[in-house]
Every structure is written in structure tokens, then in C-alpha cells.
Protein backbone atom coordinates (compact mmCIF):
# COMPACT_ATOMS: atom_id res chain seq x y z
CA MET A 1 3.50 -36.22 -85.12
CA SER A 2 5.61 -33.39 -83.76
CA SER A 3 8.42 -31.74 -85.69
CA ALA A 4 10.30 -28.96 -83.97
CA PRO A 5 12.79 -26.64 -85.67
CA VAL A 6 16.10 -26.31 -83.88
CA PRO A 7 17.72 -22.88 -84.16
CA PRO A 8 21.32 -22.39 -85.25
CA VAL A 9 23.71 -23.13 -82.39
CA PRO A 10 27.03 -21.31 -82.14
CA PRO A 11 30.10 -23.45 -81.44
CA SER A 12 31.83 -23.50 -78.08
CA ALA A 13 35.16 -21.79 -77.70
CA GLY A 14 37.79 -23.73 -79.59
CA GLN A 15 35.25 -25.65 -81.69
CA GLN A 16 34.87 -25.25 -85.44
CA VAL A 17 31.29 -26.35 -86.06
CA GLN A 18 29.08 -25.27 -88.94
CA GLN A 19 25.92 -23.48 -87.80
CA VAL A 20 22.84 -25.39 -88.95
CA SER A 21 19.09 -25.54 -88.45
CA ILE A 22 17.29 -28.89 -88.42
CA ASN A 23 13.78 -30.19 -87.90
CA ILE A 24 13.34 -32.89 -85.28
CA ASP A 25 10.46 -35.34 -85.26
CA PHE A 26 10.46 -36.11 -81.55
CA ASP A 27 7.55 -38.54 -81.67
CA GLN A 28 9.20 -40.64 -84.36
CA LEU A 29 12.56 -40.58 -82.59
CA LEU A 30 11.03 -41.67 -79.30
CA ALA A 31 8.97 -44.35 -81.03
CA THR A 32 12.13 -45.73 -82.62
CA ASN A 33 14.14 -45.39 -79.40
CA ARG A 34 11.35 -46.20 -76.98
CA PRO A 35 12.42 -46.29 -73.31
CA VAL A 36 11.72 -49.75 -71.88
CA GLY A 37 12.02 -51.67 -68.65
CA THR A 38 9.59 -49.86 -66.33
CA LYS A 39 6.09 -51.19 -67.00
CA ALA A 40 6.54 -54.60 -65.35
CA LEU A 41 8.32 -53.03 -62.37
CA LEU A 42 5.52 -50.51 -61.84
CA GLU A 43 3.06 -53.38 -61.86
CA ALA A 44 5.19 -55.43 -59.45
CA ILE A 45 5.44 -52.58 -56.92
CA GLY A 46 1.70 -52.06 -57.23
CA MET A 47 1.06 -55.74 -56.51
CA THR A 48 3.37 -55.68 -53.48
CA ARG A 49 1.79 -52.53 -52.07
CA GLY A 50 -1.79 -53.03 -53.22
CA THR A 51 -1.69 -49.67 -54.98
CA THR A 52 -1.51 -47.90 -58.31
CA VAL A 53 2.02 -46.57 -58.84
CA LEU A 54 2.61 -43.26 -60.59
CA SER A 55 6.18 -42.21 -61.36
CA LEU A 56 7.33 -38.60 -61.55
CA VAL A 57 11.04 -38.81 -62.27
CA LEU A 58 13.25 -36.00 -63.58
CA ALA A 59 16.91 -36.32 -64.51
CA GLU A 60 19.56 -33.73 -63.76
CA GLY A 61 18.80 -30.58 -65.70
CA ALA A 62 15.03 -31.13 -65.76
CA PHE A 63 12.94 -29.33 -63.18
CA LEU A 64 9.47 -29.17 -61.67
CA ALA A 65 7.85 -26.56 -63.91
CA GLY A 66 4.57 -25.80 -65.65
CA ASP A 67 5.04 -28.48 -68.31
CA VAL A 68 5.19 -31.15 -65.59
CA VAL A 69 1.83 -29.98 -64.28
CA SER A 70 0.24 -30.12 -67.73
CA TYR A 71 1.25 -33.71 -68.40
CA LEU A 72 0.51 -34.83 -64.85
CA GLU A 73 -3.01 -33.47 -65.33
CA SER A 74 -3.38 -35.45 -68.57
CA LEU A 75 -2.12 -38.61 -66.88
CA VAL A 76 -4.43 -38.49 -63.86
CA LEU A 77 -7.42 -37.73 -66.10
CA LYS A 78 -6.61 -40.86 -68.10
CA SER A 79 -6.08 -42.94 -64.96
CA GLY A 80 -9.02 -41.70 -62.92
CA LYS A 81 -9.29 -41.45 -59.15
CA GLN A 82 -7.41 -44.12 -57.19
CA ASN A 83 -8.18 -45.53 -53.78
CA ARG A 84 -4.47 -45.94 -52.98
CA LEU A 85 -1.88 -44.08 -55.05
CA ASP A 86 1.89 -44.45 -54.66
CA LEU A 87 3.98 -41.62 -56.12
CA PHE A 88 7.46 -42.77 -57.12
CA LEU A 89 9.26 -39.43 -56.82
CA ARG A 90 12.71 -38.45 -58.01
CA SER A 91 13.56 -34.76 -58.47
CA THR A 92 15.92 -32.05 -57.26
CA GLY A 93 13.16 -29.42 -57.33
CA GLY A 94 12.23 -26.52 -59.57
CA ILE A 95 9.90 -23.52 -59.61
CA ALA A 96 8.71 -22.76 -56.08
CA GLU A 97 4.96 -22.75 -56.76
CA ILE A 98 4.82 -25.96 -58.83
CA PRO A 99 5.11 -28.61 -56.05
CA TRP A 100 1.97 -27.33 -54.36
CA ARG A 101 0.07 -27.65 -57.64
CA VAL A 102 1.42 -31.19 -58.11
CA LEU A 103 0.35 -32.13 -54.59
CA THR A 104 -3.16 -30.71 -54.95
CA ILE A 105 -3.65 -32.63 -58.23
CA LEU A 106 -2.55 -35.90 -56.64
CA ARG A 107 -4.82 -35.26 -53.66
CA GLU A 108 -7.83 -34.74 -55.92
CA PHE A 109 -7.16 -38.08 -57.62
CA SER A 110 -6.41 -40.30 -54.61
CA GLU A 111 -8.00 -41.27 -51.34
CA HIS A 112 -4.67 -42.29 -49.81
CA LEU A 113 -1.43 -40.81 -51.15
CA ALA A 114 1.96 -42.36 -50.40
CA VAL A 115 5.23 -40.85 -51.63
CA MET A 116 8.06 -43.26 -52.35
CA VAL A 117 11.55 -41.72 -52.45
CA PRO A 118 14.15 -44.09 -53.95
CA ARG A 119 17.05 -41.59 -53.69
CA VAL A 120 16.38 -37.84 -53.54
CA ALA A 121 13.43 -35.50 -53.23
CA MET A 122 15.19 -32.17 -52.85
CA SER A 123 13.93 -28.61 -52.53
CA GLY A 124 10.42 -28.37 -54.01
CA ALA A 125 10.20 -32.15 -54.37
CA ALA A 126 10.54 -32.36 -50.59
CA HIS A 127 7.33 -30.32 -50.37
CA ILE A 128 5.56 -33.07 -52.31
CA ALA A 129 7.13 -35.81 -50.17
CA ILE A 130 6.04 -34.35 -46.84
CA GLY A 131 2.48 -33.85 -48.13
CA GLY A 132 1.72 -37.55 -48.54
CA ASP A 133 -0.22 -39.59 -46.00
CA GLU A 134 2.68 -42.02 -46.04
CA LEU A 135 6.38 -41.47 -46.74
CA VAL A 136 8.23 -44.57 -47.96
CA MET A 137 12.02 -44.43 -47.60
CA GLY A 138 14.95 -46.82 -47.85
CA PRO A 139 18.46 -46.54 -46.39
CA LEU A 140 19.61 -44.53 -49.46
CA SER A 141 16.64 -42.12 -49.50
CA ASN A 142 17.05 -38.42 -48.78
CA LEU A 143 14.92 -35.31 -48.57
CA GLY A 144 16.26 -31.77 -48.89
CA SER A 145 15.72 -28.44 -47.18
CA VAL A 146 13.15 -26.13 -48.76
CA ASP A 147 14.63 -22.67 -48.17
CA PRO A 148 14.70 -21.29 -51.72
CA THR A 149 17.70 -20.16 -53.71
CA ARG A 150 16.82 -17.89 -56.60
CA ASN A 151 18.16 -15.64 -59.31
CA HIS A 152 17.15 -12.00 -59.51
CA PRO A 153 18.25 -9.34 -62.02
CA LEU A 154 19.24 -6.97 -59.19
CA LEU A 155 21.53 -9.44 -57.40
CA PRO A 156 25.33 -9.15 -57.71
CA ARG A 157 26.76 -10.67 -60.89
CA ASP A 158 29.66 -13.00 -61.62
CA PRO A 159 32.51 -12.10 -64.04
CA GLN A 160 30.41 -13.42 -66.95
CA GLY A 161 27.58 -11.03 -66.07
CA ASN A 162 25.19 -13.67 -64.66
CA ALA A 163 23.19 -12.95 -61.50
CA ILE A 164 24.62 -14.96 -58.60
CA PRO A 165 21.92 -17.23 -57.10
CA THR A 166 21.41 -16.59 -53.39
CA SER A 167 18.87 -17.05 -50.63
CA VAL A 168 17.46 -14.91 -47.88
CA GLN A 169 19.27 -17.20 -45.44
CA HIS A 170 22.63 -16.17 -46.93
CA LEU A 171 21.87 -12.53 -46.18
CA LYS A 172 20.44 -13.20 -42.73
CA HIS A 173 23.54 -15.14 -41.73
CA CYS A 174 25.70 -12.35 -43.13
CA LEU A 175 23.92 -9.76 -41.01
CA ASN A 176 24.06 -11.98 -37.93
CA PHE A 177 27.79 -12.44 -38.48
CA LEU A 178 28.29 -8.68 -38.71
CA LYS A 179 26.27 -8.09 -35.54
CA ARG A 180 28.43 -10.58 -33.66
CA THR A 181 31.72 -9.18 -34.90
CA VAL A 182 31.14 -5.40 -34.93
CA ARG A 183 33.24 -3.86 -32.19
CA GLU A 184 31.49 -2.14 -29.30
CA GLY A 185 30.78 1.46 -30.14
CA GLU A 186 31.17 0.92 -33.88
CA ALA A 187 28.18 2.08 -35.92
CA PHE A 188 26.29 -0.77 -37.52
CA GLY A 189 24.28 1.40 -39.95
CA PRO A 190 27.17 2.31 -42.29
CA ILE A 191 28.09 -1.37 -42.60
CA VAL A 192 24.56 -2.25 -43.68
CA ALA A 193 24.55 0.72 -46.07
CA GLU A 194 27.75 -0.63 -47.66
CA LEU A 195 26.10 -4.04 -48.03
CA PHE A 196 23.16 -2.39 -49.82
CA ARG A 197 25.59 -0.87 -52.31
CA HIS A 198 26.19 -4.41 -53.56
CA VAL A 199 22.76 -5.99 -52.98
CA ASN A 200 19.75 -3.96 -54.11
CA PRO A 201 17.02 -3.71 -51.41
CA LEU A 202 14.43 -4.74 -54.01
CA ALA A 203 16.32 -8.00 -54.52
CA LEU A 204 16.28 -8.53 -50.75
CA GLY A 205 12.53 -8.08 -50.78
CA ALA A 206 12.17 -10.67 -53.54
CA LEU A 207 14.33 -13.14 -51.63
CA GLU A 208 12.30 -12.65 -48.46
CA GLU A 209 9.12 -13.16 -50.48
CA SER A 210 10.46 -16.48 -51.81
CA TYR A 211 11.42 -17.58 -48.31
CA GLU A 212 7.98 -16.84 -46.88
CA LEU A 213 6.34 -18.55 -49.86
CA SER A 214 8.40 -21.67 -49.18
CA ARG A 215 7.33 -21.65 -45.53
CA LEU A 216 3.69 -21.22 -46.57
CA ILE A 217 3.88 -24.16 -48.98
CA THR A 218 5.55 -26.28 -46.30
CA GLN A 219 2.69 -25.51 -43.93
CA LYS A 220 0.05 -26.22 -46.57
CA ALA A 221 1.73 -29.48 -47.64
CA LEU A 222 1.79 -30.72 -44.05
CA SER A 223 -1.86 -29.73 -43.60
CA THR A 224 -2.94 -32.11 -46.38
CA ARG A 225 -1.73 -35.19 -44.50
CA ARG A 226 -4.40 -37.57 -43.21
CA PRO A 227 -4.47 -37.26 -40.26
CA PRO A 228 -2.75 -33.85 -40.14
CA PHE A 229 -0.12 -32.92 -37.57
CA ASP A 230 -1.06 -30.61 -34.73
CA ALA A 231 -0.12 -26.97 -35.19
CA GLU A 232 2.93 -27.12 -32.89
CA LYS A 233 4.50 -30.11 -34.63
CA ALA A 234 3.78 -28.71 -38.09
CA ALA A 235 5.43 -25.40 -37.10
CA ALA A 236 8.51 -27.23 -35.83
CA ILE A 237 8.87 -29.18 -39.10
CA LYS A 238 8.39 -25.98 -41.11
CA ASP A 239 11.11 -24.16 -39.18
CA LYS A 240 13.51 -27.09 -39.50
CA LEU A 241 13.05 -27.59 -43.23
CA ALA A 242 13.12 -23.90 -44.12
CA GLY A 243 16.45 -22.76 -42.78
CA GLU A 244 17.75 -24.84 -39.90
CA TYR A 245 19.91 -27.09 -42.09
CA PHE A 246 21.96 -24.05 -43.26
CA SER A 247 22.36 -25.41 -46.80
CA HIS A 248 19.91 -25.78 -49.65
CA THR A 249 21.71 -28.93 -50.78
CA TYR A 250 21.84 -30.64 -47.36
CA TYR A 251 20.77 -34.27 -47.69
CA ILE A 252 18.31 -35.21 -44.95
CA SER A 253 18.67 -38.94 -44.35
CA ARG A 254 15.92 -41.35 -43.46
CA ALA A 255 17.10 -41.40 -39.85
CA GLU A 256 17.02 -37.58 -39.68
CA VAL A 257 13.54 -37.50 -41.20
CA GLU A 258 12.42 -39.59 -38.22
CA THR A 259 14.51 -37.98 -35.47
CA ASP A 260 14.96 -34.35 -36.57
CA LEU A 261 11.65 -33.78 -38.32
CA GLY A 262 9.55 -36.30 -36.43
CA LEU A 263 7.94 -37.48 -39.65
CA PRO A 264 6.63 -41.04 -39.54
CA ILE A 265 7.95 -43.18 -42.39
CA THR A 266 7.35 -46.59 -43.89
CA ARG A 267 10.74 -48.29 -44.04
CA MET A 268 11.92 -50.46 -46.92
CA ASP A 269 15.17 -52.31 -46.37
CA PRO A 270 17.51 -54.66 -48.24
CA GLY A 271 16.22 -58.21 -48.31
CA GLU A 272 12.61 -57.12 -48.64
CA PRO A 273 10.75 -57.55 -51.96
CA LEU A 274 9.68 -53.89 -52.05
CA PHE A 275 13.24 -52.63 -51.67
CA SER A 276 14.44 -54.86 -54.52
CA GLN A 277 11.59 -53.73 -56.77
CA VAL A 278 12.15 -50.04 -56.03
CA GLU A 279 15.89 -50.40 -56.63
CA ALA A 280 15.23 -52.14 -59.94
CA LEU A 281 12.84 -49.41 -61.08
CA ASN A 282 15.29 -46.68 -60.06
CA ALA A 283 18.05 -48.47 -62.01
CA ALA A 284 15.76 -48.70 -65.05
CA TYR A 285 15.29 -44.92 -64.98
CA ASP A 286 19.07 -44.48 -64.63
CA SER A 287 19.56 -46.53 -67.79
CA ILE A 288 16.96 -44.50 -69.67
CA PHE A 289 18.47 -41.17 -68.62
CA GLU A 290 22.02 -42.29 -69.46
CA ALA A 291 21.13 -43.42 -72.99
CA VAL A 292 22.20 -41.10 -75.81
CA VAL A 293 20.74 -41.09 -79.33
CA GLN A 294 22.90 -39.47 -81.99
CA LEU A 295 20.76 -37.61 -84.51
CA PRO A 296 21.43 -37.96 -88.25
CA ALA A 297 22.20 -34.33 -88.94
CA PRO A 298 25.14 -32.29 -90.28
CA VAL A 299 26.04 -31.48 -86.65
CA PRO A 300 26.08 -34.37 -84.16
CA PHE A 301 23.16 -33.33 -81.99
CA GLN A 302 22.20 -35.70 -79.18
CA LEU A 303 18.78 -36.68 -77.88
CA ARG A 304 18.35 -37.66 -74.25
CA VAL A 305 15.31 -38.59 -72.16
CA LYS A 306 15.23 -36.26 -69.17
CA GLY A 307 11.86 -36.94 -67.55
CA ILE A 308 9.07 -39.48 -67.31
CA ILE A 309 5.56 -39.24 -65.87
CA GLU A 310 3.88 -42.63 -66.04
CA THR A 311 1.76 -45.41 -64.65
CA ALA A 312 1.78 -48.97 -65.95
CA ALA A 313 -0.98 -47.96 -68.40
CA HIS A 314 -0.07 -44.43 -69.55
CA ARG A 315 3.16 -42.55 -70.10
CA PHE A 316 4.58 -39.13 -71.04
CA VAL A 317 8.28 -38.82 -71.87
CA LEU A 318 10.37 -35.63 -71.93
CA ALA A 319 13.13 -35.65 -74.57
CA GLN A 320 15.68 -32.89 -74.96
CA VAL A 321 18.20 -32.24 -77.74
CA PHE A 322 21.70 -30.98 -77.02
CA ALA A 323 24.25 -29.37 -79.33
CA PRO A 324 27.90 -30.46 -79.42
CA ASN A 325 28.77 -27.65 -77.01
CA GLY A 326 26.36 -29.08 -74.41
CA GLN A 327 23.71 -26.39 -74.94
CA LYS A 328 20.11 -27.55 -74.77
CA VAL A 329 18.43 -26.47 -77.99
CA ALA A 330 14.99 -28.13 -77.95
CA GLY A 331 12.64 -30.21 -75.84
CA HIS A 332 9.36 -32.05 -76.25
CA TRP A 333 6.96 -34.20 -74.19
CA ALA A 334 5.69 -37.24 -76.10
CA GLU A 335 2.77 -39.47 -75.16
CA GLN A 336 3.49 -43.20 -75.26
CA ASP A 337 0.51 -45.37 -74.37
CA ASN A 338 0.60 -49.16 -74.71
CA TYR A 339 4.35 -49.07 -74.17
């Protein structure tokens, strides 16, 4: 049983809320409000595909981070090595290094790895998607570019004092724009010096490091495919994903995955049993993530499920607690076997 103290939470502007501290028994709360509706669907997809299905689904506000790796490790150790493993993947990304760790774990515990994308696998999740032997996509499925956007303490700050997230691509396009527009005979050096007054060179170095790391992980992910792409094709995919879409939130459609990236996909379309099963499972996760549990406390804290890592036999659930002002104040992964 896990009880976690929640620290006092200040009210939002305009709110008059008493500051309180409470203890939360996450395991008991999740046992009482157990998410349901996925087990039979996981089994149905597995029967249709002849595979074991493992879901890694994260709601908005939950990211691929070290805790995901820890519970994925526990799950695959419980499940054992699979001949054919389907990863049902839904995530907008997270910490740059984590997707490669996720992919290497899944590779160690499967002979054939397929990645099934019901809606979005953005940013780092796209690294996982392109590393499977098979990529399963429907007409509503999308990948995302992998050029990283990051915070850094030496980046320019907004009026509230927060570092403004940026990417190395932003700065490269800025410099290219200046090169194109500087008048003939005008010195370029002073313009760059003025830019460096606002963006610390050390921050530029960190951004470039993140960009090259993303390209490295893209290359490594592609190299795990069985059979792997030849070097020329892998390089073309790497260049396209890491910068040629000009936006970190560009949605790469199924058609573009085939035509732009040249990635082979397994299509699932309306009218087919697999499409209906995948849609039903995705809707079940939507219902779980949308559910709100009001906690019996002096302040109306809310509990929400924000992530699930599961097979039909084993499950880990991420619950987070939010204060009335929308601030996340606590989180906990709970194991739920025999669900």
C-alpha cells in the first residue's frame, strides 16, 4: 500500500483556497476506481494478429521518462520473451534518451517487434515507431518529426522569467534568413554578435548537442529493423525526420510515411476487424484518461489516470493528483495484476 503526502498548494490568482496537506493512498484509490475495458480488447487484437500486445499509452501531460523505463522493465520481466510482440503506442514524446532505452528493452524481449500507432507517435515516440520491424498505421495515424525542442537556463526568458523552449533548427533558420537578407557589403559579424547578446553561445552548444543526439538515435533506431535499411536510405530518413519538416509538431500522415520517408507500413483500414479493434482500444484509453476522481479532502483535489503500460496479463497505471488551480502535486505508478 502506498501513501504519499501532498505538499501545501497555493491558490491560483483570484482563488481563496485554504492551504492543506493530505496523505493519498494511491493503491487504494486505484483499486476502488480501477480502469476497465482494455483487457478483452488487448486479447482480441492479439488473436487477430497472432501476437502478444503490449500497450504504452501516455495522456497529455505525461511523458516518456525514467519512470516509464522502470515499469516497462518490470512488465517485460513478468511477461517473458515473445516470438511476436505488438507495441500499441500512444505518446507525444519526452526525454530525448528514453525512447532508445524503450526500444532496446523491447528488442531484447521479442523476436519480431511491430509498432501499432492508433493516433500519434510524436517526437521521441516516433523514434520507437520507426525502430520496429513492422509499422502498423490507420488513416488517422501520424508520426512526428524528431528534431528536439528543449529548455536551457541560458536561453532567453519570457515575461514570467521562464526559459523559452527552442531548437537548433530555429537558430539555423534565423541565421540563414539573415544571410539571405543582409545587404551586399554589410558586415555579417556584428549581426551575429548582436544575436549572441540574447542567446548565450553555451545554450547554442547544448541545442546542437540535442540535435545531433536526436539524429544519432534516429540512425540507431532504424538500424534495429529486421532487415535493416541500407545506409543511403537510412540517412535520407534521418535527414527528413530531423529537420526537413520545419516544425516539431508537424503531423506526418500515413501517406507521407510511405511517400516522404519510404517506410513500409502495414495498413489497417475501416471495415477491417483490426481497425475496429484498435479504434475500440484507443477509445477505451480515452475514457480512462478523461475520468476524474474527486478526492475526499478539505480541498477538492482530483485524481486522473495519465499513463498505462500493460498486456492482457499484467498492468501498471500512472495516477496523478491535481490541485484546484490545475497544478500537479503528486504522482504514483500502481501495479494492477488480474485486472
